[in-house]
C-alpha atoms as a PDB file:
ATOM      1  CA  UNK A   1       6.518  23.130  20.426  1.00  0.00           C
ATOM      2  CA  UNK A   2       4.332  20.210  19.397  1.00  0.00           C
ATOM      3  CA  UNK A   3       5.084  16.778  20.777  1.00  0.00           C
ATOM      4  CA  UNK A   4       6.243  14.278  18.151  1.00  0.00           C
ATOM      5  CA  UNK A   5       3.685  11.590  17.469  1.00  0.00           C
ATOM      6  CA  UNK A   6       4.942   8.019  17.724  1.00  0.00           C
ATOM      7  CA  UNK A   7       3.781   5.708  14.959  1.00  0.00           C
ATOM      8  CA  UNK A   8       2.767   2.167  15.823  1.00  0.00           C
ATOM      9  CA  UNK A   9       4.492  -0.838  14.256  1.00  0.00           C
ATOM     10  CA  UNK A  10       1.616  -1.569  11.871  1.00  0.00           C
ATOM     11  CA  UNK A  11       1.654   1.984  10.506  1.00  0.00           C
ATOM     12  CA  UNK A  12       5.420   1.867  10.090  1.00  0.00           C
ATOM     13  CA  UNK A  13       5.135  -1.463   8.252  1.00  0.00           C
ATOM     14  CA  UNK A  14       2.520   0.014   5.902  1.00  0.00           C
ATOM     15  CA  UNK A  15       4.721   3.048   5.198  1.00  0.00           C
ATOM     16  CA  UNK A  16       7.651   0.763   4.400  1.00  0.00           C
ATOM     17  CA  UNK A  17       5.405  -1.292   2.109  1.00  0.00           C
ATOM     18  CA  UNK A  18       4.354   1.893   0.271  1.00  0.00           C
ATOM     19  CA  UNK A  19       8.010   2.856  -0.171  1.00  0.00           C
ATOM     20  CA  UNK A  20       8.598  -0.511  -1.817  1.00  0.00           C
ATOM     21  CA  UNK A  21       5.520  -0.061  -4.035  1.00  0.00           C
ATOM     22  CA  UNK A  22       6.893   3.328  -5.062  1.00  0.00           C
ATOM     23  CA  UNK A  23      10.150   1.699  -6.159  1.00  0.00           C
ATOM     24  CA  UNK A  24       8.285  -0.796  -8.331  1.00  0.00           C
ATOM     25  CA  UNK A  25       6.129   1.958  -9.846  1.00  0.00           C
ATOM     26  CA  UNK A  26       9.280   3.899 -10.734  1.00  0.00           C
ATOM     27  CA  UNK A  27      10.847   0.758 -12.205  1.00  0.00           C
ATOM     28  CA  UNK A  28       7.678   0.432 -14.291  1.00  0.00           C
ATOM     29  CA  UNK A  29       8.160   3.872 -15.809  1.00  0.00           C
ATOM     30  CA  UNK A  30       6.642   6.377 -13.402  1.00  0.00           C
ATOM     31  CA  UNK A  31       8.615   9.292 -12.024  1.00  0.00           C
ATOM     32  CA  UNK A  32       9.107   9.414  -8.261  1.00  0.00           C
ATOM     33  CA  UNK A  33       6.617  12.301  -8.081  1.00  0.00           C
ATOM     34  CA  UNK A  34       4.049  10.416 -10.178  1.00  0.00           C
ATOM     35  CA  UNK A  35       4.446   7.312  -8.017  1.00  0.00           C
ATOM     36  CA  UNK A  36       4.086   9.273  -4.784  1.00  0.00           C
ATOM     37  CA  UNK A  37       1.078  11.198  -6.092  1.00  0.00           C
ATOM     38  CA  UNK A  38      -0.604   7.995  -7.259  1.00  0.00           C
ATOM     39  CA  UNK A  39      -0.088   6.271  -3.916  1.00  0.00           C
ATOM     40  CA  UNK A  40      -1.449   9.321  -2.108  1.00  0.00           C
ATOM     41  CA  UNK A  41      -4.457   9.697  -4.430  1.00  0.00           C
ATOM     42  CA  UNK A  42      -5.266   5.990  -4.228  1.00  0.00           C
ATOM     43  CA  UNK A  43      -4.409   5.534  -0.549  1.00  0.00           C
ATOM     44  CA  UNK A  44      -7.571   3.571   0.224  1.00  0.00           C
ATOM     45  CA  UNK A  45      -6.965   1.153  -2.671  1.00  0.00           C
ATOM     46  CA  UNK A  46      -3.323   0.627  -1.640  1.00  0.00           C
ATOM     47  CA  UNK A  47      -4.384   0.114   1.977  1.00  0.00           C
ATOM     48  CA  UNK A  48      -6.769  -2.612   0.815  1.00  0.00           C
ATOM     49  CA  UNK A  49      -3.980  -4.261  -1.186  1.00  0.00           C
ATOM     50  CA  UNK A  50      -1.701  -4.165   1.851  1.00  0.00           C
ATOM     51  CA  UNK A  51      -4.310  -5.843   4.049  1.00  0.00           C
ATOM     52  CA  UNK A  52      -5.034  -8.363   1.278  1.00  0.00           C
ATOM     53  CA  UNK A  53      -1.379  -9.399   1.635  1.00  0.00           C
ATOM     54  CA  UNK A  54      -0.241  -8.360  -1.829  1.00  0.00           C
ATOM     55  CA  UNK A  55       3.481  -7.884  -2.119  1.00  0.00           C
ATOM     56  CA  UNK A  56       4.645  -4.399  -3.085  1.00  0.00           C
ATOM     57  CA  UNK A  57       5.545  -5.763  -6.525  1.00  0.00           C
ATOM     58  CA  UNK A  58       2.071  -7.273  -7.002  1.00  0.00           C
ATOM     59  CA  UNK A  59       0.377  -4.039  -5.908  1.00  0.00           C
ATOM     60  CA  UNK A  60       2.522  -1.994  -8.291  1.00  0.00           C
ATOM     61  CA  UNK A  61       1.735  -4.361 -11.179  1.00  0.00           C
ATOM     62  CA  UNK A  62      -1.980  -4.025 -10.440  1.00  0.00           C
ATOM     63  CA  UNK A  63      -1.665  -0.233 -10.256  1.00  0.00           C
ATOM     64  CA  UNK A  64       0.195  -0.112 -13.578  1.00  0.00           C
ATOM     65  CA  UNK A  65      -2.295  -2.409 -15.330  1.00  0.00           C
END
């Protein structure tokens, strides 16, 4: 059986940030599946937004624009 990989704090923080972005995308009219697919397809862009210190709400607004 494979050993479970431990995620570092920074990765966990980014995942939590993406979960919040997803909520704002859904509030903006996307389905959960659409929001998840968009975050996955644009992972590099969202990573940049995270490291540019955008809030999840700001990143979702930019993505919906």
